[in-house]
Amino acid sequence: QLRERLEDNPENTEGWAMLGRSYMRIEQYEDAAWAFERLAESIEDDESGKAVAWGLSAQAAFFLSEGDLNPEVSNAIEKARSLNPDEVNSLGLLGIQQNFEEAIRYWERIVSVAPNHPQITSIRQGIEQAYQRLGREMPQEQPSEVSGAGVTVQVEIDEAFQGEIPDDTT
């Protein structure tokens, strides 16, 4: 009934979001992807919201494909990231691959842009496992000594250069 009502009133963003989430809960991923695409199309003047809708569509398509980053999934990810390169659903999907260096990069970006993400514990565990599979120690987070505005930078030196740079180099 909700789907029929939304087809008659396609600018109802809350309805499309509810329909997409409902389809996800009952594992009707094809319908969920479709509903999230309709959500993206109904959102105006909110690129971040539109990016999230495309990211959710990518996630539904990913579940439908049983974990394959097929062209449909990739297309939805591209649409999401063209609107917001830090869209967390897309970053999460891009991290699910066998290239652990890239996975770390995508997942660490989620930790950086969405530290309160509901799945942050799982994301951190994924990062830790990727470091383990690379045979590397996970860098320890340094507590910030500055309160207020600032920038934190973490620099890693490629193993090929580690013997060439003194430890006290700033």
C-alpha atoms as a PDB file:
ATOM      1  CA  GLN A   1       0.000   0.000   0.000  1.00  0.00           C
ATOM      2  CA  LEU A   2       2.831   2.378   0.858  1.00  0.00           C
ATOM      3  CA  ARG A   3       4.486   1.737  -2.491  1.00  0.00           C
ATOM      4  CA  GLU A   4       1.260   2.505  -4.359  1.00  0.00           C
ATOM      5  CA  ARG A   5       0.767   5.708  -2.366  1.00  0.00           C
ATOM      6  CA  LEU A   6       4.349   6.791  -3.054  1.00  0.00           C
ATOM      7  CA  GLU A   7       4.011   6.168  -6.766  1.00  0.00           C
ATOM      8  CA  ASP A   8       1.088   8.629  -6.664  1.00  0.00           C
ATOM      9  CA  ASN A   9       3.073  11.067  -4.472  1.00  0.00           C
ATOM     10  CA  PRO A  10       6.731  10.593  -5.539  1.00  0.00           C
ATOM     11  CA  GLU A  11       8.096  13.680  -3.743  1.00  0.00           C
ATOM     12  CA  ASN A  12       7.472  12.112  -0.304  1.00  0.00           C
ATOM     13  CA  THR A  13      11.080  11.562   0.810  1.00  0.00           C
ATOM     14  CA  GLU A  14      10.181  10.198   4.249  1.00  0.00           C
ATOM     15  CA  GLY A  15       7.901   7.617   2.654  1.00  0.00           C
ATOM     16  CA  TRP A  16      10.596   6.432   0.218  1.00  0.00           C
ATOM     17  CA  ALA A  17      13.095   6.131   3.071  1.00  0.00           C
ATOM     18  CA  MET A  18      10.597   4.128   5.141  1.00  0.00           C
ATOM     19  CA  LEU A  19       9.787   1.870   2.197  1.00  0.00           C
ATOM     20  CA  GLY A  20      13.482   1.239   1.454  1.00  0.00           C
ATOM     21  CA  ARG A  21      14.227   0.384   5.096  1.00  0.00           C
ATOM     22  CA  SER A  22      11.178  -1.884   5.234  1.00  0.00           C
ATOM     23  CA  TYR A  23      12.291  -3.765   2.129  1.00  0.00           C
ATOM     24  CA  MET A  24      15.785  -4.145   3.634  1.00  0.00           C
ATOM     25  CA  ARG A  25      14.348  -5.595   6.852  1.00  0.00           C
ATOM     26  CA  ILE A  26      12.400  -8.248   4.939  1.00  0.00           C
ATOM     27  CA  GLU A  27      15.391  -8.884   2.654  1.00  0.00           C
ATOM     28  CA  GLN A  28      13.704  -7.763  -0.560  1.00  0.00           C
ATOM     29  CA  TYR A  29      16.913  -6.149  -1.742  1.00  0.00           C
ATOM     30  CA  GLU A  30      15.906  -5.476  -5.331  1.00  0.00           C
ATOM     31  CA  ASP A  31      12.862  -3.524  -4.159  1.00  0.00           C
ATOM     32  CA  ALA A  32      14.966  -1.781  -1.494  1.00  0.00           C
ATOM     33  CA  ALA A  33      17.508  -0.630  -4.084  1.00  0.00           C
ATOM     34  CA  TRP A  34      14.664   0.648  -6.259  1.00  0.00           C
ATOM     35  CA  ALA A  35      13.035   2.504  -3.333  1.00  0.00           C
ATOM     36  CA  PHE A  36      16.325   4.145  -2.347  1.00  0.00           C
ATOM     37  CA  GLU A  37      16.850   5.227  -5.973  1.00  0.00           C
ATOM     38  CA  ARG A  38      13.373   6.826  -5.889  1.00  0.00           C
ATOM     39  CA  LEU A  39      14.388   8.479  -2.615  1.00  0.00           C
ATOM     40  CA  ALA A  40      17.518   9.918  -4.253  1.00  0.00           C
ATOM     41  CA  GLU A  41      15.442  11.219  -7.148  1.00  0.00           C
ATOM     42  CA  SER A  42      12.924  12.845  -4.784  1.00  0.00           C
ATOM     43  CA  ILE A  43      15.521  14.764  -2.756  1.00  0.00           C
ATOM     44  CA  GLU A  44      16.141  18.316  -3.894  1.00  0.00           C
ATOM     45  CA  ASP A  45      18.711  20.817  -2.609  1.00  0.00           C
ATOM     46  CA  ASP A  46      20.416  18.314  -0.290  1.00  0.00           C
ATOM     47  CA  GLU A  47      23.402  16.660  -1.952  1.00  0.00           C
ATOM     48  CA  SER A  48      24.405  14.925   1.272  1.00  0.00           C
ATOM     49  CA  GLY A  49      20.940  13.367   1.670  1.00  0.00           C
ATOM     50  CA  LYS A  50      20.887  12.361  -1.986  1.00  0.00           C
ATOM     51  CA  ALA A  51      24.355  10.778  -1.550  1.00  0.00           C
ATOM     52  CA  VAL A  52      23.117   8.752   1.435  1.00  0.00           C
ATOM     53  CA  ALA A  53      20.137   7.529  -0.605  1.00  0.00           C
ATOM     54  CA  TRP A  54      22.472   6.360  -3.404  1.00  0.00           C
ATOM     55  CA  GLY A  55      24.744   4.736  -0.810  1.00  0.00           C
ATOM     56  CA  LEU A  56      21.792   2.837   0.633  1.00  0.00           C
ATOM     57  CA  SER A  57      20.773   1.788  -2.871  1.00  0.00           C
ATOM     58  CA  ALA A  58      24.325   0.501  -3.417  1.00  0.00           C
ATOM     59  CA  GLN A  59      24.126  -1.430  -0.166  1.00  0.00           C
ATOM     60  CA  ALA A  60      20.823  -3.049  -1.128  1.00  0.00           C
ATOM     61  CA  ALA A  61      22.189  -3.943  -4.579  1.00  0.00           C
ATOM     62  CA  PHE A  62      25.302  -5.402  -2.900  1.00  0.00           C
ATOM     63  CA  PHE A  63      23.147  -7.666  -0.726  1.00  0.00           C
ATOM     64  CA  LEU A  64      21.086  -8.628  -3.774  1.00  0.00           C
ATOM     65  CA  SER A  65      24.263  -9.593  -5.643  1.00  0.00           C
ATOM     66  CA  GLU A  66      25.357 -11.676  -2.645  1.00  0.00           C
ATOM     67  CA  GLY A  67      28.497  -9.636  -2.094  1.00  0.00           C
ATOM     68  CA  ASP A  68      29.529  -8.881  -5.661  1.00  0.00           C
ATOM     69  CA  LEU A  69      30.600  -5.328  -6.494  1.00  0.00           C
ATOM     70  CA  ASN A  70      28.817  -5.644  -9.842  1.00  0.00           C
ATOM     71  CA  PRO A  71      28.138  -2.724 -12.236  1.00  0.00           C
ATOM     72  CA  GLU A  72      24.821  -1.851 -10.538  1.00  0.00           C
ATOM     73  CA  VAL A  73      26.510  -1.609  -7.144  1.00  0.00           C
ATOM     74  CA  SER A  74      29.467   0.306  -8.576  1.00  0.00           C
ATOM     75  CA  ASN A  75      27.180   2.725 -10.411  1.00  0.00           C
ATOM     76  CA  ALA A  76      25.251   3.547  -7.231  1.00  0.00           C
ATOM     77  CA  ILE A  77      28.541   3.994  -5.334  1.00  0.00           C
ATOM     78  CA  GLU A  78      29.806   6.372  -8.030  1.00  0.00           C
ATOM     79  CA  LYS A  79      26.602   8.416  -7.845  1.00  0.00           C
ATOM     80  CA  ALA A  80      26.836   8.629  -4.055  1.00  0.00           C
ATOM     81  CA  ARG A  81      30.513   9.582  -4.024  1.00  0.00           C
ATOM     82  CA  SER A  82      30.102  12.146  -6.808  1.00  0.00           C
ATOM     83  CA  LEU A  83      27.758  13.977  -4.428  1.00  0.00           C
ATOM     84  CA  ASN A  84      29.740  13.257  -1.257  1.00  0.00           C
ATOM     85  CA  PRO A  85      33.125  11.470  -1.451  1.00  0.00           C
ATOM     86  CA  ASP A  86      32.765  10.617   2.260  1.00  0.00           C
ATOM     87  CA  GLU A  87      29.367   8.893   2.023  1.00  0.00           C
ATOM     88  CA  VAL A  88      29.845   6.143   4.602  1.00  0.00           C
ATOM     89  CA  ASN A  89      27.744   3.365   3.044  1.00  0.00           C
ATOM     90  CA  SER A  90      29.792   3.627  -0.137  1.00  0.00           C
ATOM     91  CA  LEU A  91      33.097   3.794   1.747  1.00  0.00           C
ATOM     92  CA  GLY A  92      32.092   0.706   3.696  1.00  0.00           C
ATOM     93  CA  LEU A  93      31.284  -1.236   0.536  1.00  0.00           C
ATOM     94  CA  LEU A  94      34.516  -0.156  -1.144  1.00  0.00           C
ATOM     95  CA  GLY A  95      36.408  -1.462   1.859  1.00  0.00           C
ATOM     96  CA  ILE A  96      34.927  -4.947   1.431  1.00  0.00           C
ATOM     97  CA  GLN A  97      37.503  -6.319  -0.954  1.00  0.00           C
ATOM     98  CA  GLN A  98      40.722  -8.281  -0.962  1.00  0.00           C
ATOM     99  CA  ASN A  99      42.957  -5.214  -1.295  1.00  0.00           C
ATOM    100  CA  PHE A 100      43.632  -4.608   2.379  1.00  0.00           C
ATOM    101  CA  GLU A 101      45.536  -1.338   1.831  1.00  0.00           C
ATOM    102  CA  GLU A 102      42.488   0.171   0.123  1.00  0.00           C
ATOM    103  CA  ALA A 103      40.115  -1.314   2.697  1.00  0.00           C
ATOM    104  CA  ILE A 104      42.098   0.346   5.477  1.00  0.00           C
ATOM    105  CA  ARG A 105      42.006   3.670   3.647  1.00  0.00           C
ATOM    106  CA  TYR A 106      38.219   3.566   3.111  1.00  0.00           C
ATOM    107  CA  TRP A 107      37.394   2.330   6.605  1.00  0.00           C
ATOM    108  CA  GLU A 108      39.744   4.788   8.314  1.00  0.00           C
ATOM    109  CA  ARG A 109      37.970   7.530   6.381  1.00  0.00           C
ATOM    110  CA  ILE A 110      34.662   6.374   7.902  1.00  0.00           C
ATOM    111  CA  VAL A 111      36.208   6.521  11.380  1.00  0.00           C
ATOM    112  CA  SER A 112      37.399  10.040  10.608  1.00  0.00           C
ATOM    113  CA  VAL A 113      34.163  11.446   9.146  1.00  0.00           C
ATOM    114  CA  ALA A 114      31.640   9.443  11.199  1.00  0.00           C
ATOM    115  CA  PRO A 115      33.177   8.617  14.599  1.00  0.00           C
ATOM    116  CA  ASN A 116      29.700   7.964  16.033  1.00  0.00           C
ATOM    117  CA  HIS A 117      28.647   5.594  13.246  1.00  0.00           C
ATOM    118  CA  PRO A 118      26.437   2.797  14.641  1.00  0.00           C
ATOM    119  CA  GLN A 119      28.823   0.170  13.235  1.00  0.00           C
ATOM    120  CA  ILE A 120      32.055   1.905  14.346  1.00  0.00           C
ATOM    121  CA  THR A 121      33.166  -1.065  16.475  1.00  0.00           C
ATOM    122  CA  SER A 122      32.866  -3.444  13.496  1.00  0.00           C
ATOM    123  CA  ILE A 123      34.625  -0.952  11.245  1.00  0.00           C
ATOM    124  CA  ARG A 124      37.527  -0.649  13.691  1.00  0.00           C
ATOM    125  CA  GLN A 125      37.722  -4.461  13.911  1.00  0.00           C
ATOM    126  CA  GLY A 126      37.835  -4.649  10.110  1.00  0.00           C
ATOM    127  CA  ILE A 127      40.709  -2.162  10.076  1.00  0.00           C
ATOM    128  CA  GLU A 128      42.574  -4.172  12.687  1.00  0.00           C
ATOM    129  CA  GLN A 129      42.063  -7.423  10.748  1.00  0.00           C
ATOM    130  CA  ALA A 130      43.251  -5.793   7.514  1.00  0.00           C
ATOM    131  CA  TYR A 131      46.471  -4.676   9.237  1.00  0.00           C
ATOM    132  CA  GLN A 132      46.924  -8.210  10.601  1.00  0.00           C
ATOM    133  CA  ARG A 133      46.487  -9.736   7.142  1.00  0.00           C
ATOM    134  CA  LEU A 134      49.113  -7.330   5.826  1.00  0.00           C
ATOM    135  CA  GLY A 135      51.415  -8.474   8.633  1.00  0.00           C
ATOM    136  CA  ARG A 136      51.680  -4.943   9.993  1.00  0.00           C
ATOM    137  CA  GLU A 137      51.097  -3.367  13.357  1.00  0.00           C
ATOM    138  CA  MET A 138      48.071  -1.135  13.545  1.00  0.00           C
ATOM    139  CA  PRO A 139      49.200   2.425  14.329  1.00  0.00           C
ATOM    140  CA  GLN A 140      48.216   3.561  17.781  1.00  0.00           C
ATOM    141  CA  GLU A 141      45.902   6.534  17.931  1.00  0.00           C
ATOM    142  CA  GLN A 142      47.643   9.479  19.512  1.00  0.00           C
ATOM    143  CA  PRO A 143      45.559  11.430  21.997  1.00  0.00           C
ATOM    144  CA  SER A 144      45.137  15.018  20.990  1.00  0.00           C
ATOM    145  CA  GLU A 145      46.780  17.519  23.339  1.00  0.00           C
ATOM    146  CA  VAL A 146      44.931  20.457  21.805  1.00  0.00           C
ATOM    147  CA  SER A 147      41.382  21.266  22.702  1.00  0.00           C
ATOM    148  CA  GLY A 148      39.338  23.195  20.187  1.00  0.00           C
ATOM    149  CA  ALA A 149      39.912  23.618  16.481  1.00  0.00           C
ATOM    150  CA  GLY A 150      42.908  21.926  14.912  1.00  0.00           C
ATOM    151  CA  VAL A 151      44.171  19.337  12.513  1.00  0.00           C
ATOM    152  CA  THR A 152      45.571  15.916  13.325  1.00  0.00           C
ATOM    153  CA  VAL A 153      47.908  14.349  10.787  1.00  0.00           C
ATOM    154  CA  GLN A 154      49.239  10.807  10.756  1.00  0.00           C
ATOM    155  CA  VAL A 155      52.212  10.049   8.534  1.00  0.00           C
ATOM    156  CA  GLU A 156      53.367   6.546   7.665  1.00  0.00           C
ATOM    157  CA  ILE A 157      56.604   5.859   5.849  1.00  0.00           C
ATOM    158  CA  ASP A 158      56.655   3.070   3.303  1.00  0.00           C
ATOM    159  CA  GLU A 159      58.741   0.146   4.553  1.00  0.00           C
ATOM    160  CA  ALA A 160      61.180   0.630   1.673  1.00  0.00           C
ATOM    161  CA  PHE A 161      62.244   4.011   3.158  1.00  0.00           C
ATOM    162  CA  GLN A 162      62.145   3.309   6.883  1.00  0.00           C
ATOM    163  CA  GLY A 163      65.882   2.692   7.252  1.00  0.00           C
ATOM    164  CA  GLU A 164      66.704   5.927   5.447  1.00  0.00           C
ATOM    165  CA  ILE A 165      64.872   8.372   7.722  1.00  0.00           C
ATOM    166  CA  PRO A 166      66.159   9.107  11.250  1.00  0.00           C
ATOM    167  CA  ASP A 167      63.641   8.423  14.035  1.00  0.00           C
ATOM    168  CA  ASP A 168      63.816  12.030  15.261  1.00  0.00           C
ATOM    169  CA  THR A 169      62.844  13.529  11.895  1.00  0.00           C
ATOM    170  CA  THR A 170      59.937  15.963  12.162  1.00  0.00           C
END
